[in-house]
Protein backbone atom coordinates (compact mmCIF):
# COMPACT_ATOMS: atom_id res chain seq x y z
CA MET A 1 -188.71 -114.18 64.92
CA GLY A 2 -185.50 -115.25 67.24
CA SER A 3 -185.33 -113.59 70.21
CA GLY A 4 -188.03 -111.37 70.61
CA PHE A 5 -190.45 -114.32 70.83
CA GLY A 6 -192.02 -112.75 67.39
CA LEU A 7 -191.18 -109.44 66.09
CA SER A 8 -187.95 -107.23 67.23
CA ALA A 9 -186.11 -104.77 66.51
CA ASN A 10 -182.64 -104.77 67.23
CA TYR A 11 -179.32 -101.93 67.25
CA GLU A 12 -176.19 -104.14 66.85
CA ARG A 13 -172.40 -102.43 67.65
CA ASN A 14 -169.55 -103.82 66.61
CA LEU A 15 -167.03 -103.60 69.59
CA TRP A 16 -164.10 -105.40 68.55
CA HIS A 17 -162.86 -106.82 65.12
CA ASP A 18 -160.19 -108.41 63.06
CA ASP A 19 -160.22 -110.34 59.31
CA VAL A 20 -161.47 -113.51 60.90
CA VAL A 21 -163.71 -112.21 64.46
CA SER A 22 -165.93 -109.72 65.25
CA ILE A 23 -167.27 -109.31 69.02
CA ASN A 24 -170.96 -107.57 68.81
CA ALA A 25 -173.01 -106.00 71.57
CA ARG A 26 -176.79 -105.89 71.07
CA LEU A 27 -180.15 -104.16 72.29
CA GLY A 28 -183.14 -104.44 70.88
CA ILE A 29 -186.97 -104.94 71.95
CA GLY A 30 -189.30 -107.59 70.69
CA THR A 31 -193.15 -108.57 71.60
CA ALA A 32 -195.39 -111.55 71.15
CA ILE A 33 -199.06 -111.99 71.92
CA PHE A 34 -199.05 -111.79 75.38
CA ILE A 35 -195.83 -111.33 75.67
CA ASN A 36 -193.53 -108.42 75.98
CA SER A 37 -189.98 -108.79 76.26
CA LEU A 38 -188.24 -105.34 76.67
CA PRO A 39 -185.00 -105.07 76.75
CA ILE A 40 -183.34 -107.55 74.58
CA MET A 41 -179.76 -107.16 75.77
CA GLY A 42 -176.66 -109.13 74.27
CA PHE A 43 -173.28 -109.91 73.02
CA ASN A 44 -172.02 -112.40 70.31
CA THR A 45 -169.50 -113.36 68.13
CA CYS A 46 -168.84 -113.73 64.08
CA LEU A 47 -166.41 -116.10 63.08
CA GLY A 48 -165.24 -116.31 59.46
CA LYS A 49 -163.79 -114.36 56.38
CA GLY A 50 -165.94 -112.68 53.93
CA LYS A 51 -169.72 -112.45 53.82
CA SER A 52 -170.84 -115.49 55.44
CA LYS A 53 -169.96 -116.39 59.11
CA PHE A 54 -171.00 -118.43 62.02
CA GLU A 55 -172.14 -116.48 65.04
CA VAL A 56 -172.67 -117.51 68.78
CA GLY A 57 -173.98 -115.62 71.42
CA VAL A 58 -176.07 -114.87 74.10
CA ASN A 59 -178.96 -112.25 75.01
CA ALA A 60 -180.89 -111.51 78.18
CA LEU A 61 -184.52 -110.83 78.21
CA ARG A 62 -186.78 -109.22 80.85
CA VAL A 63 -190.08 -111.54 79.82
CA TYR A 64 -193.74 -109.55 81.06
CA SER A 65 -196.43 -112.63 80.17
CA ILE A 66 -199.66 -112.87 80.77
CA SER A 67 -201.47 -116.57 81.03
CA LEU A 68 -203.88 -117.15 78.20
CA PHE A 69 -205.59 -119.71 81.49
CA ASP A 70 -205.96 -118.04 84.28
CA GLY A 71 -204.85 -114.17 83.52
CA ASN A 72 -202.06 -114.15 86.25
CA GLU A 73 -198.98 -112.19 85.17
CA ASN A 74 -195.70 -113.04 84.96
CA ILE A 75 -192.16 -111.57 85.13
CA ALA A 76 -189.22 -113.41 84.45
CA ILE A 77 -185.52 -112.75 82.97
CA TYR A 78 -184.64 -115.26 80.25
CA ALA A 79 -181.38 -116.33 78.61
CA ASN A 80 -181.20 -116.92 75.16
CA PRO A 81 -178.20 -118.35 73.70
CA ILE A 82 -177.30 -118.08 69.99
CA LEU A 83 -175.88 -120.33 67.72
CA GLY A 84 -176.20 -119.73 63.32
CA TYR A 85 -175.32 -117.75 60.32
CA ARG A 86 -174.87 -114.47 59.27
CA PHE A 87 -174.64 -113.34 55.74
CA GLU A 88 -173.73 -109.45 55.46
CA SER A 89 -173.53 -107.77 51.33
CA ASN A 90 -170.89 -105.32 51.17
CA GLN A 91 -174.34 -103.85 49.95
CA GLY A 92 -175.50 -103.56 53.60
CA PHE A 93 -177.90 -106.44 53.34
CA LEU A 94 -177.95 -108.43 56.45
CA PHE A 95 -179.42 -111.80 56.68
CA ARG A 96 -179.43 -113.93 59.88
CA PHE A 97 -180.89 -117.68 60.37
CA ALA A 98 -180.01 -119.14 64.26
CA LEU A 99 -180.99 -121.50 67.14
CA THR A 100 -181.96 -118.92 69.70
CA PRO A 101 -183.97 -121.27 72.35
CA PHE A 102 -185.39 -120.02 75.99
CA ILE A 103 -183.81 -120.84 79.22
CA ASN A 104 -185.72 -119.61 82.13
CA PRO A 105 -183.06 -120.36 85.45
CA GLU A 106 -186.09 -119.77 88.09
CA SER A 107 -186.36 -122.76 89.82
CA ASP A 108 -189.76 -122.81 89.64
CA ALA A 109 -190.21 -122.18 86.09
CA GLY A 110 -193.28 -124.16 84.18
CA ILE A 111 -191.35 -124.74 81.28
CA PRO A 112 -187.49 -123.73 81.91
CA PHE A 113 -186.49 -124.42 78.34
CA PHE A 114 -188.23 -123.59 75.41
CA PRO A 115 -186.39 -124.46 71.83
CA TRP A 116 -186.84 -121.75 69.33
CA LEU A 117 -185.56 -120.61 65.75
CA GLY A 118 -184.68 -116.99 64.41
CA ILE A 119 -184.84 -115.26 61.38
CA SER A 120 -183.67 -111.95 60.38
CA PHE A 121 -183.55 -109.03 57.36
CA GLY A 122 -182.05 -106.32 58.23
CA GLY A 123 -179.40 -103.78 57.22
CA ALA A 124 -175.68 -103.04 58.42
CA PHE A 125 -173.94 -100.09 58.49
């Protein structure tokens, strides 16, 4: 759950860091029933010392969807802000929990704002 609507796979690369702040870039793919978001691209900043950090960032998604009601196809670019908690253990285990709403900036969007939550498990190396 999170930036890929349903399931997603992401690679994140640290661009810069010091003892308290890190700046990261992300690239991924995601999917859910009748929705494909390819790719997920974004940046985030992690704030804090040690294993627990506050994370804030934004992703951009190209979303392809099919309406269940009329079968119409839709392609849109969504903004996906991130505000959450991140834990990285010394052994490389990664856990994230965040608010990850979707914002459709198109003026004729049927649903311009959709609240969402994300939870992630993974590895850090």
